[in-house]
Amino acid sequence: MKEESAVIGKGKIGSHDFMMFQYKIPLCPKQGHKHEWEQCVYAHRGERARRRHPSKYQAVQCPEARANLWEYWLHPDRYMTCLCELGPACNRPICFFAHEQPLFSKG
């Protein structure tokens, strides 16, 4: 059976709605079971990529450079609103940016 993380970019898990409203927000149902939590789409205690639900904050970049960039770029007001500097050649496993044209307008 494939890990759910292996299907990012395909189906529900890879959908824009999933990335904005679910990715790294709910706690992992596999907590306590051995799995590659770094690759898991769910949140884990102490993980830097863990996020709050976007309804609980605004997409304003914190002056602290080390603030949670995952929250900032996966917020619905920011996600896929800028072109990726790598364009179609991008090979990032997760990219917050559009690769052809911005998919959503900045709110």
PDB file of N, CA and C in Angstrom:
ATOM      1  N   MET A   1       0.840  -1.185   0.000  1.00  0.00           N
ATOM      2  CA  MET A   1       0.000   0.000   0.000  1.00  0.00           C
ATOM      3  C   MET A   1       0.881   1.244   0.000  1.00  0.00           C
ATOM      4  N   LYS A   2       0.604   2.216  -0.853  1.00  0.00           N
ATOM      5  CA  LYS A   2       1.388   3.432  -0.946  1.00  0.00           C
ATOM      6  C   LYS A   2       1.075   4.373   0.202  1.00  0.00           C
ATOM      7  N   GLU A   3       2.120   5.099   0.660  1.00  0.00           N
ATOM      8  CA  GLU A   3       1.902   6.156   1.641  1.00  0.00           C
ATOM      9  C   GLU A   3       1.067   7.248   0.961  1.00  0.00           C
ATOM     10  N   GLU A   4       0.221   7.919   1.721  1.00  0.00           N
ATOM     11  CA  GLU A   4      -0.577   8.998   1.147  1.00  0.00           C
ATOM     12  C   GLU A   4       0.305  10.098   0.608  1.00  0.00           C
ATOM     13  N   SER A   5       1.486  10.304   1.224  1.00  0.00           N
ATOM     14  CA  SER A   5       2.382  11.352   0.778  1.00  0.00           C
ATOM     15  C   SER A   5       2.872  11.105  -0.645  1.00  0.00           C
ATOM     16  N   ALA A   6       2.864   9.855  -1.082  1.00  0.00           N
ATOM     17  CA  ALA A   6       3.358   9.531  -2.408  1.00  0.00           C
ATOM     18  C   ALA A   6       2.413   9.992  -3.502  1.00  0.00           C
ATOM     19  N   VAL A   7       1.200  10.402  -3.153  1.00  0.00           N
ATOM     20  CA  VAL A   7       0.238  10.786  -4.170  1.00  0.00           C
ATOM     21  C   VAL A   7      -0.014  12.288  -4.224  1.00  0.00           C
ATOM     22  N   ILE A   8       0.851  13.099  -3.592  1.00  0.00           N
ATOM     23  CA  ILE A   8       0.698  14.550  -3.728  1.00  0.00           C
ATOM     24  C   ILE A   8       0.777  14.884  -5.212  1.00  0.00           C
ATOM     25  N   GLY A   9      -0.139  15.700  -5.670  1.00  0.00           N
ATOM     26  CA  GLY A   9      -0.177  16.058  -7.076  1.00  0.00           C
ATOM     27  C   GLY A   9      -1.182  15.233  -7.861  1.00  0.00           C
ATOM     28  N   LYS A  10      -1.778  14.238  -7.231  1.00  0.00           N
ATOM     29  CA  LYS A  10      -2.763  13.406  -7.913  1.00  0.00           C
ATOM     30  C   LYS A  10      -3.990  13.265  -7.017  1.00  0.00           C
ATOM     31  N   GLY A  11      -5.148  13.404  -7.595  1.00  0.00           N
ATOM     32  CA  GLY A  11      -6.387  13.187  -6.858  1.00  0.00           C
ATOM     33  C   GLY A  11      -6.630  14.199  -5.760  1.00  0.00           C
ATOM     34  N   LYS A  12      -7.442  13.805  -4.787  1.00  0.00           N
ATOM     35  CA  LYS A  12      -7.880  14.703  -3.722  1.00  0.00           C
ATOM     36  C   LYS A  12      -6.711  15.280  -2.927  1.00  0.00           C
ATOM     37  N   ILE A  13      -5.748  14.438  -2.565  1.00  0.00           N
ATOM     38  CA  ILE A  13      -4.634  14.899  -1.740  1.00  0.00           C
ATOM     39  C   ILE A  13      -3.820  15.963  -2.460  1.00  0.00           C
ATOM     40  N   GLY A  14      -3.679  15.867  -3.733  1.00  0.00           N
ATOM     41  CA  GLY A  14      -2.908  16.862  -4.473  1.00  0.00           C
ATOM     42  C   GLY A  14      -3.723  18.045  -4.957  1.00  0.00           C
ATOM     43  N   SER A  15      -4.990  18.099  -4.613  1.00  0.00           N
ATOM     44  CA  SER A  15      -5.825  19.194  -5.095  1.00  0.00           C
ATOM     45  C   SER A  15      -5.448  20.504  -4.424  1.00  0.00           C
ATOM     46  N   HIS A  16      -5.766  21.601  -5.059  1.00  0.00           N
ATOM     47  CA  HIS A  16      -5.487  22.919  -4.486  1.00  0.00           C
ATOM     48  C   HIS A  16      -6.240  23.097  -3.175  1.00  0.00           C
ATOM     49  N   ASP A  17      -7.483  22.638  -3.114  1.00  0.00           N
ATOM     50  CA  ASP A  17      -8.243  22.750  -1.860  1.00  0.00           C
ATOM     51  C   ASP A  17      -7.560  21.977  -0.740  1.00  0.00           C
ATOM     52  N   PHE A  18      -7.081  20.785  -1.038  1.00  0.00           N
ATOM     53  CA  PHE A  18      -6.392  20.012  -0.011  1.00  0.00           C
ATOM     54  C   PHE A  18      -5.149  20.756   0.470  1.00  0.00           C
ATOM     55  N   MET A  19      -4.354  21.266  -0.454  1.00  0.00           N
ATOM     56  CA  MET A  19      -3.124  21.955  -0.072  1.00  0.00           C
ATOM     57  C   MET A  19      -3.416  23.194   0.781  1.00  0.00           C
ATOM     58  N   MET A  20      -4.445  23.940   0.452  1.00  0.00           N
ATOM     59  CA  MET A  20      -4.744  25.167   1.195  1.00  0.00           C
ATOM     60  C   MET A  20      -5.425  24.904   2.535  1.00  0.00           C
ATOM     61  N   PHE A  21      -6.308  23.904   2.591  1.00  0.00           N
ATOM     62  CA  PHE A  21      -7.164  23.747   3.766  1.00  0.00           C
ATOM     63  C   PHE A  21      -6.921  22.487   4.602  1.00  0.00           C
ATOM     64  N   GLN A  22      -6.057  21.569   4.142  1.00  0.00           N
ATOM     65  CA  GLN A  22      -5.822  20.330   4.883  1.00  0.00           C
ATOM     66  C   GLN A  22      -4.340  20.005   5.106  1.00  0.00           C
ATOM     67  N   TYR A  23      -3.490  20.328   4.138  1.00  0.00           N
ATOM     68  CA  TYR A  23      -2.092  19.914   4.192  1.00  0.00           C
ATOM     69  C   TYR A  23      -1.413  20.391   5.474  1.00  0.00           C
ATOM     70  N   LYS A  24      -0.904  19.471   6.262  1.00  0.00           N
ATOM     71  CA  LYS A  24      -0.182  19.729   7.516  1.00  0.00           C
ATOM     72  C   LYS A  24      -1.022  20.449   8.567  1.00  0.00           C
ATOM     73  N   ILE A  25      -2.358  20.345   8.497  1.00  0.00           N
ATOM     74  CA  ILE A  25      -3.224  20.970   9.509  1.00  0.00           C
ATOM     75  C   ILE A  25      -3.749  19.921  10.489  1.00  0.00           C
ATOM     76  N   PRO A  26      -4.510  18.903  10.049  1.00  0.00           N
ATOM     77  CA  PRO A  26      -4.975  17.913  11.035  1.00  0.00           C
ATOM     78  C   PRO A  26      -3.817  17.020  11.484  1.00  0.00           C
ATOM     79  N   LEU A  27      -3.873  16.590  12.750  1.00  0.00           N
ATOM     80  CA  LEU A  27      -2.847  15.684  13.251  1.00  0.00           C
ATOM     81  C   LEU A  27      -2.942  14.329  12.540  1.00  0.00           C
ATOM     82  N   CYS A  28      -1.808  13.739  12.340  1.00  0.00           N
ATOM     83  CA  CYS A  28      -1.702  12.470  11.626  1.00  0.00           C
ATOM     84  C   CYS A  28      -2.438  11.346  12.361  1.00  0.00           C
ATOM     85  N   PRO A  29      -3.270  10.588  11.652  1.00  0.00           N
ATOM     86  CA  PRO A  29      -3.946   9.457  12.278  1.00  0.00           C
ATOM     87  C   PRO A  29      -2.977   8.298  12.566  1.00  0.00           C
ATOM     88  N   LYS A  30      -1.769   8.362  12.018  1.00  0.00           N
ATOM     89  CA  LYS A  30      -0.775   7.309  12.230  1.00  0.00           C
ATOM     90  C   LYS A  30       0.180   7.641  13.375  1.00  0.00           C
ATOM     91  N   GLN A  31      -0.126   8.678  14.184  1.00  0.00           N
ATOM     92  CA  GLN A  31       0.729   9.025  15.316  1.00  0.00           C
ATOM     93  C   GLN A  31       0.969   7.763  16.138  1.00  0.00           C
ATOM     94  N   GLY A  32       2.215   7.520  16.491  1.00  0.00           N
ATOM     95  CA  GLY A  32       2.542   6.341  17.279  1.00  0.00           C
ATOM     96  C   GLY A  32       2.870   5.124  16.439  1.00  0.00           C
ATOM     97  N   HIS A  33       2.623   5.189  15.136  1.00  0.00           N
ATOM     98  CA  HIS A  33       2.962   4.096  14.232  1.00  0.00           C
ATOM     99  C   HIS A  33       4.170   4.521  13.407  1.00  0.00           C
ATOM    100  N   LYS A  34       5.026   3.618  13.121  1.00  0.00           N
ATOM    101  CA  LYS A  34       6.226   3.928  12.362  1.00  0.00           C
ATOM    102  C   LYS A  34       5.871   4.256  10.900  1.00  0.00           C
ATOM    103  N   HIS A  35       6.226   5.456  10.487  1.00  0.00           N
ATOM    104  CA  HIS A  35       6.079   5.859   9.086  1.00  0.00           C
ATOM    105  C   HIS A  35       6.965   7.073   8.844  1.00  0.00           C
ATOM    106  N   GLU A  36       7.140   7.435   7.607  1.00  0.00           N
ATOM    107  CA  GLU A  36       7.998   8.569   7.259  1.00  0.00           C
ATOM    108  C   GLU A  36       7.224   9.864   7.464  1.00  0.00           C
ATOM    109  N   TRP A  37       7.245  10.376   8.704  1.00  0.00           N
ATOM    110  CA  TRP A  37       6.435  11.547   9.024  1.00  0.00           C
ATOM    111  C   TRP A  37       6.902  12.789   8.275  1.00  0.00           C
ATOM    112  N   GLU A  38       8.168  12.850   7.862  1.00  0.00           N
ATOM    113  CA  GLU A  38       8.646  14.014   7.103  1.00  0.00           C
ATOM    114  C   GLU A  38       7.942  14.114   5.749  1.00  0.00           C
ATOM    115  N   GLN A  39       7.520  12.984   5.220  1.00  0.00           N
ATOM    116  CA  GLN A  39       6.847  12.934   3.924  1.00  0.00           C
ATOM    117  C   GLN A  39       5.328  12.867   4.041  1.00  0.00           C
ATOM    118  N   CYS A  40       4.831  12.792   5.243  1.00  0.00           N
ATOM    119  CA  CYS A  40       3.400  12.627   5.490  1.00  0.00           C
ATOM    120  C   CYS A  40       2.660  13.950   5.254  1.00  0.00           C
ATOM    121  N   VAL A  41       1.457  13.888   4.721  1.00  0.00           N
ATOM    122  CA  VAL A  41       0.663  15.086   4.430  1.00  0.00           C
ATOM    123  C   VAL A  41      -0.030  15.648   5.674  1.00  0.00           C
ATOM    124  N   TYR A  42       0.023  14.901   6.785  1.00  0.00           N
ATOM    125  CA  TYR A  42      -0.618  15.342   8.025  1.00  0.00           C
ATOM    126  C   TYR A  42       0.401  15.964   8.974  1.00  0.00           C
ATOM    127  N   ALA A  43      -0.082  16.698   9.954  1.00  0.00           N
ATOM    128  CA  ALA A  43       0.780  17.376  10.926  1.00  0.00           C
ATOM    129  C   ALA A  43       1.262  16.408  12.000  1.00  0.00           C
ATOM    130  N   HIS A  44       2.450  16.706  12.524  1.00  0.00           N
ATOM    131  CA  HIS A  44       3.047  15.931  13.608  1.00  0.00           C
ATOM    132  C   HIS A  44       3.545  16.909  14.662  1.00  0.00           C
ATOM    133  N   ARG A  45       3.435  16.549  15.912  1.00  0.00           N
ATOM    134  CA  ARG A  45       3.865  17.419  17.011  1.00  0.00           C
ATOM    135  C   ARG A  45       5.323  17.816  16.838  1.00  0.00           C
ATOM    136  N   GLY A  46       5.601  19.109  16.986  1.00  0.00           N
ATOM    137  CA  GLY A  46       6.962  19.613  16.891  1.00  0.00           C
ATOM    138  C   GLY A  46       7.461  19.853  15.477  1.00  0.00           C
ATOM    139  N   GLU A  47       6.657  19.553  14.490  1.00  0.00           N
ATOM    140  CA  GLU A  47       7.063  19.713  13.091  1.00  0.00           C
ATOM    141  C   GLU A  47       7.018  21.184  12.681  1.00  0.00           C
ATOM    142  N   ARG A  48       8.054  21.660  11.980  1.00  0.00           N
ATOM    143  CA  ARG A  48       8.095  23.064  11.556  1.00  0.00           C
ATOM    144  C   ARG A  48       7.040  23.397  10.502  1.00  0.00           C
ATOM    145  N   ALA A  49       6.648  22.434   9.696  1.00  0.00           N
ATOM    146  CA  ALA A  49       5.674  22.684   8.631  1.00  0.00           C
ATOM    147  C   ALA A  49       4.228  22.628   9.122  1.00  0.00           C
ATOM    148  N   ARG A  50       4.025  22.303  10.397  1.00  0.00           N
ATOM    149  CA  ARG A  50       2.654  22.244  10.933  1.00  0.00           C
ATOM    150  C   ARG A  50       1.991  23.608  10.799  1.00  0.00           C
ATOM    151  N   ARG A  51       0.702  23.595  10.418  1.00  0.00           N
ATOM    152  CA  ARG A  51      -0.013  24.844  10.134  1.00  0.00           C
ATOM    153  C   ARG A  51      -1.304  24.952  10.921  1.00  0.00           C
ATOM    154  N   ARG A  52      -1.764  26.198  11.051  1.00  0.00           N
ATOM    155  CA  ARG A  52      -3.102  26.460  11.576  1.00  0.00           C
ATOM    156  C   ARG A  52      -4.055  26.499  10.385  1.00  0.00           C
ATOM    157  N   HIS A  53      -5.335  26.343  10.646  1.00  0.00           N
ATOM    158  CA  HIS A  53      -6.309  26.468   9.565  1.00  0.00           C
ATOM    159  C   HIS A  53      -6.278  27.917   9.068  1.00  0.00           C
ATOM    160  N   PRO A  54      -6.335  28.153   7.749  1.00  0.00           N
ATOM    161  CA  PRO A  54      -6.226  29.510   7.218  1.00  0.00           C
ATOM    162  C   PRO A  54      -7.317  30.476   7.692  1.00  0.00           C
ATOM    163  N   SER A  55      -8.412  29.983   8.221  1.00  0.00           N
ATOM    164  CA  SER A  55      -9.446  30.884   8.733  1.00  0.00           C
ATOM    165  C   SER A  55      -9.002  31.548  10.041  1.00  0.00           C
ATOM    166  N   LYS A  56      -7.905  31.064  10.620  1.00  0.00           N
ATOM    167  CA  LYS A  56      -7.454  31.568  11.918  1.00  0.00           C
ATOM    168  C   LYS A  56      -6.333  32.601  11.827  1.00  0.00           C
ATOM    169  N   TYR A  57      -5.903  32.946  10.622  1.00  0.00           N
ATOM    170  CA  TYR A  57      -4.841  33.944  10.469  1.00  0.00           C
ATOM    171  C   TYR A  57      -4.942  34.601   9.096  1.00  0.00           C
ATOM    172  N   GLN A  58      -4.238  35.718   8.941  1.00  0.00           N
ATOM    173  CA  GLN A  58      -4.205  36.420   7.662  1.00  0.00           C
ATOM    174  C   GLN A  58      -2.890  36.109   6.958  1.00  0.00           C
ATOM    175  N   ALA A  59      -2.892  36.220   5.653  1.00  0.00           N
ATOM    176  CA  ALA A  59      -1.692  35.941   4.864  1.00  0.00           C
ATOM    177  C   ALA A  59      -0.797  37.171   4.829  1.00  0.00           C
ATOM    178  N   VAL A  60      -0.271  37.512   5.971  1.00  0.00           N
ATOM    179  CA  VAL A  60       0.642  38.638   6.089  1.00  0.00           C
ATOM    180  C   VAL A  60       1.970  38.068   6.551  1.00  0.00           C
ATOM    181  N   GLN A  61       3.022  38.351   5.791  1.00  0.00           N
ATOM    182  CA  GLN A  61       4.315  37.786   6.143  1.00  0.00           C
ATOM    183  C   GLN A  61       4.832  38.423   7.424  1.00  0.00           C
ATOM    184  N   CYS A  62       5.234  37.587   8.335  1.00  0.00           N
ATOM    185  CA  CYS A  62       5.748  38.018   9.626  1.00  0.00           C
ATOM    186  C   CYS A  62       7.123  38.651   9.425  1.00  0.00           C
ATOM    187  N   PRO A  63       7.415  39.740  10.135  1.00  0.00           N
ATOM    188  CA  PRO A  63       8.745  40.354  10.008  1.00  0.00           C
ATOM    189  C   PRO A  63       9.869  39.413  10.460  1.00  0.00           C
ATOM    190  N   GLU A  64       9.529  38.417  11.264  1.00  0.00           N
ATOM    191  CA  GLU A  64      10.512  37.411  11.671  1.00  0.00           C
ATOM    192  C   GLU A  64      10.717  36.483  10.477  1.00  0.00           C
ATOM    193  N   ALA A  65      11.889  36.503   9.903  1.00  0.00           N
ATOM    194  CA  ALA A  65      12.161  35.740   8.677  1.00  0.00           C
ATOM    195  C   ALA A  65      11.928  34.243   8.850  1.00  0.00           C
ATOM    196  N   ARG A  66      12.060  33.730  10.067  1.00  0.00           N
ATOM    197  CA  ARG A  66      11.919  32.296  10.278  1.00  0.00           C
ATOM    198  C   ARG A  66      10.494  31.898  10.644  1.00  0.00           C
ATOM    199  N   ALA A  67       9.546  32.807  10.536  1.00  0.00           N
ATOM    200  CA  ALA A  67       8.150  32.466  10.823  1.00  0.00           C
ATOM    201  C   ALA A  67       7.689  31.396   9.836  1.00  0.00           C
ATOM    202  N   ASN A  68       6.541  30.831  10.060  1.00  0.00           N
ATOM    203  CA  ASN A  68       6.072  29.705   9.267  1.00  0.00           C
ATOM    204  C   ASN A  68       5.719  30.115   7.833  1.00  0.00           C
ATOM    205  N   LEU A  69       6.668  29.918   6.935  1.00  0.00           N
ATOM    206  CA  LEU A  69       6.433  30.234   5.523  1.00  0.00           C
ATOM    207  C   LEU A  69       5.413  29.292   4.898  1.00  0.00           C
ATOM    208  N   TRP A  70       5.268  28.085   5.477  1.00  0.00           N
ATOM    209  CA  TRP A  70       4.241  27.164   4.983  1.00  0.00           C
ATOM    210  C   TRP A  70       2.873  27.804   5.155  1.00  0.00           C
ATOM    211  N   GLU A  71       2.613  28.396   6.313  1.00  0.00           N
ATOM    212  CA  GLU A  71       1.325  29.060   6.548  1.00  0.00           C
ATOM    213  C   GLU A  71       1.134  30.213   5.574  1.00  0.00           C
ATOM    214  N   TYR A  72       2.152  31.004   5.401  1.00  0.00           N
ATOM    215  CA  TYR A  72       2.061  32.174   4.524  1.00  0.00           C
ATOM    216  C   TYR A  72       1.757  31.768   3.080  1.00  0.00           C
ATOM    217  N   TRP A  73       2.553  30.875   2.517  1.00  0.00           N
ATOM    218  CA  TRP A  73       2.401  30.542   1.103  1.00  0.00           C
ATOM    219  C   TRP A  73       1.263  29.578   0.800  1.00  0.00           C
ATOM    220  N   LEU A  74       0.791  28.812   1.775  1.00  0.00           N
ATOM    221  CA  LEU A  74      -0.344  27.915   1.533  1.00  0.00           C
ATOM    222  C   LEU A  74      -1.680  28.559   1.904  1.00  0.00           C
ATOM    223  N   HIS A  75      -1.646  29.794   2.391  1.00  0.00           N
ATOM    224  CA  HIS A  75      -2.900  30.512   2.685  1.00  0.00           C
ATOM    225  C   HIS A  75      -3.619  30.778   1.367  1.00  0.00           C
ATOM    226  N   PRO A  76      -4.951  30.660   1.338  1.00  0.00           N
ATOM    227  CA  PRO A  76      -5.703  30.876   0.094  1.00  0.00           C
ATOM    228  C   PRO A  76      -5.471  32.243  -0.560  1.00  0.00           C
ATOM    229  N   ASP A  77      -5.074  33.245   0.220  1.00  0.00           N
ATOM    230  CA  ASP A  77      -4.790  34.562  -0.373  1.00  0.00           C
ATOM    231  C   ASP A  77      -3.439  34.624  -1.065  1.00  0.00           C
ATOM    232  N   ARG A  78      -2.574  33.619  -0.863  1.00  0.00           N
ATOM    233  CA  ARG A  78      -1.226  33.635  -1.446  1.00  0.00           C
ATOM    234  C   ARG A  78      -0.943  32.441  -2.370  1.00  0.00           C
ATOM    235  N   TYR A  79      -1.531  31.285  -2.081  1.00  0.00           N
ATOM    236  CA  TYR A  79      -1.214  30.051  -2.800  1.00  0.00           C
ATOM    237  C   TYR A  79      -1.458  30.197  -4.301  1.00  0.00           C
ATOM    238  N   MET A  80      -0.441  29.899  -5.077  1.00  0.00           N
ATOM    239  CA  MET A  80      -0.503  29.911  -6.544  1.00  0.00           C
ATOM    240  C   MET A  80      -0.844  31.288  -7.137  1.00  0.00           C
ATOM    241  N   THR A  81      -0.511  32.352  -6.429  1.00  0.00           N
ATOM    242  CA  THR A  81      -0.793  33.699  -6.944  1.00  0.00           C
ATOM    243  C   THR A  81       0.422  34.315  -7.630  1.00  0.00           C
ATOM    244  N   CYS A  82       1.575  33.682  -7.527  1.00  0.00           N
ATOM    245  CA  CYS A  82       2.810  34.172  -8.159  1.00  0.00           C
ATOM    246  C   CYS A  82       3.372  33.060  -9.035  1.00  0.00           C
ATOM    247  N   LEU A  83       4.068  33.468 -10.078  1.00  0.00           N
ATOM    248  CA  LEU A  83       4.703  32.474 -10.943  1.00  0.00           C
ATOM    249  C   LEU A  83       5.954  31.911 -10.282  1.00  0.00           C
ATOM    250  N   CYS A  84       6.175  30.637 -10.462  1.00  0.00           N
ATOM    251  CA  CYS A  84       7.373  29.973  -9.970  1.00  0.00           C
ATOM    252  C   CYS A  84       8.558  30.429 -10.815  1.00  0.00           C
ATOM    253  N   GLU A  85       9.646  30.795 -10.149  1.00  0.00           N
ATOM    254  CA  GLU A  85      10.826  31.254 -10.883  1.00  0.00           C
ATOM    255  C   GLU A  85      11.449  30.145 -11.732  1.00  0.00           C
ATOM    256  N   LEU A  86      11.152  28.883 -11.424  1.00  0.00           N
ATOM    257  CA  LEU A  86      11.677  27.759 -12.202  1.00  0.00           C
ATOM    258  C   LEU A  86      10.765  27.374 -13.360  1.00  0.00           C
ATOM    259  N   GLY A  87       9.547  27.897 -13.345  1.00  0.00           N
ATOM    260  CA  GLY A  87       8.587  27.617 -14.411  1.00  0.00           C
ATOM    261  C   GLY A  87       8.324  26.135 -14.585  1.00  0.00           C
ATOM    262  N   PRO A  88       8.121  25.700 -15.834  1.00  0.00           N
ATOM    263  CA  PRO A  88       7.817  24.293 -16.098  1.00  0.00           C
ATOM    264  C   PRO A  88       8.950  23.336 -15.708  1.00  0.00           C
ATOM    265  N   ALA A  89      10.155  23.859 -15.500  1.00  0.00           N
ATOM    266  CA  ALA A  89      11.292  23.014 -15.116  1.00  0.00           C
ATOM    267  C   ALA A  89      11.314  22.715 -13.613  1.00  0.00           C
ATOM    268  N   CYS A  90      10.359  23.246 -12.871  1.00  0.00           N
ATOM    269  CA  CYS A  90      10.323  23.046 -11.426  1.00  0.00           C
ATOM    270  C   CYS A  90      10.170  21.566 -11.091  1.00  0.00           C
ATOM    271  N   ASN A  91      11.018  21.099 -10.180  1.00  0.00           N
ATOM    272  CA  ASN A  91      10.915  19.698  -9.755  1.00  0.00           C
ATOM    273  C   ASN A  91      10.747  19.595  -8.240  1.00  0.00           C
ATOM    274  N   ARG A  92      10.281  20.676  -7.615  1.00  0.00           N
ATOM    275  CA  ARG A  92      10.029  20.639  -6.175  1.00  0.00           C
ATOM    276  C   ARG A  92       8.891  19.661  -5.892  1.00  0.00           C
ATOM    277  N   PRO A  93       9.002  18.870  -4.831  1.00  0.00           N
ATOM    278  CA  PRO A  93       7.898  17.961  -4.489  1.00  0.00           C
ATOM    279  C   PRO A  93       6.621  18.728  -4.160  1.00  0.00           C
ATOM    280  N   ILE A  94       6.773  19.891  -3.518  1.00  0.00           N
ATOM    281  CA  ILE A  94       5.640  20.763  -3.213  1.00  0.00           C
ATOM    282  C   ILE A  94       6.053  22.169  -3.589  1.00  0.00           C
ATOM    283  N   CYS A  95       5.285  22.804  -4.445  1.00  0.00           N
ATOM    284  CA  CYS A  95       5.590  24.173  -4.858  1.00  0.00           C
ATOM    285  C   CYS A  95       4.355  25.031  -4.607  1.00  0.00           C
ATOM    286  N   PHE A  96       4.575  26.186  -3.990  1.00  0.00           N
ATOM    287  CA  PHE A  96       3.479  27.097  -3.643  1.00  0.00           C
ATOM    288  C   PHE A  96       3.101  28.011  -4.811  1.00  0.00           C
ATOM    289  N   PHE A  97       3.836  27.920  -5.908  1.00  0.00           N
ATOM    290  CA  PHE A  97       3.707  28.871  -6.995  1.00  0.00           C
ATOM    291  C   PHE A  97       3.124  28.239  -8.255  1.00  0.00           C
ATOM    292  N   ALA A  98       2.520  29.072  -9.091  1.00  0.00           N
ATOM    293  CA  ALA A  98       1.955  28.616 -10.367  1.00  0.00           C
ATOM    294  C   ALA A  98       3.099  28.424 -11.361  1.00  0.00           C
ATOM    295  N   HIS A  99       2.939  27.506 -12.302  1.00  0.00           N
ATOM    296  CA  HIS A  99       3.998  27.213 -13.253  1.00  0.00           C
ATOM    297  C   HIS A  99       3.729  27.695 -14.668  1.00  0.00           C
ATOM    298  N   GLU A 100       2.542  28.125 -14.946  1.00  0.00           N
ATOM    299  CA  GLU A 100       2.233  28.679 -16.256  1.00  0.00           C
ATOM    300  C   GLU A 100       1.712  30.103 -16.134  1.00  0.00           C
ATOM    301  N   GLN A 101       0.692  30.280 -15.342  1.00  0.00           N
ATOM    302  CA  GLN A 101       0.151  31.605 -15.058  1.00  0.00           C
ATOM    303  C   GLN A 101      -0.479  31.520 -13.676  1.00  0.00           C
ATOM    304  N   PRO A 102      -0.527  32.623 -12.937  1.00  0.00           N
ATOM    305  CA  PRO A 102      -1.137  32.527 -11.608  1.00  0.00           C
ATOM    306  C   PRO A 102      -2.553  31.973 -11.697  1.00  0.00           C
ATOM    307  N   LEU A 103      -2.845  30.966 -10.889  1.00  0.00           N
ATOM    308  CA  LEU A 103      -4.160  30.318 -10.924  1.00  0.00           C
ATOM    309  C   LEU A 103      -5.232  31.140 -10.230  1.00  0.00           C
ATOM    310  N   PHE A 104      -4.828  31.861  -9.200  1.00  0.00           N
ATOM    311  CA  PHE A 104      -5.788  32.625  -8.407  1.00  0.00           C
ATOM    312  C   PHE A 104      -5.320  34.066  -8.348  1.00  0.00           C
ATOM    313  N   SER A 105      -6.243  34.987  -8.259  1.00  0.00           N
ATOM    314  CA  SER A 105      -5.839  36.378  -8.132  1.00  0.00           C
ATOM    315  C   SER A 105      -5.606  36.718  -6.680  1.00  0.00           C
ATOM    316  N   LYS A 106      -4.717  37.636  -6.413  1.00  0.00           N
ATOM    317  CA  LYS A 106      -4.460  38.051  -5.046  1.00  0.00           C
ATOM    318  C   LYS A 106      -5.681  38.752  -4.494  1.00  0.00           C
ATOM    319  N   GLY A 107      -6.082  38.357  -3.279  1.00  0.00           N
ATOM    320  CA  GLY A 107      -7.277  38.899  -2.668  1.00  0.00           C
ATOM    321  C   GLY A 107      -7.004  40.142  -1.962  1.00  0.00           C
TER     322      GLY A 107
END
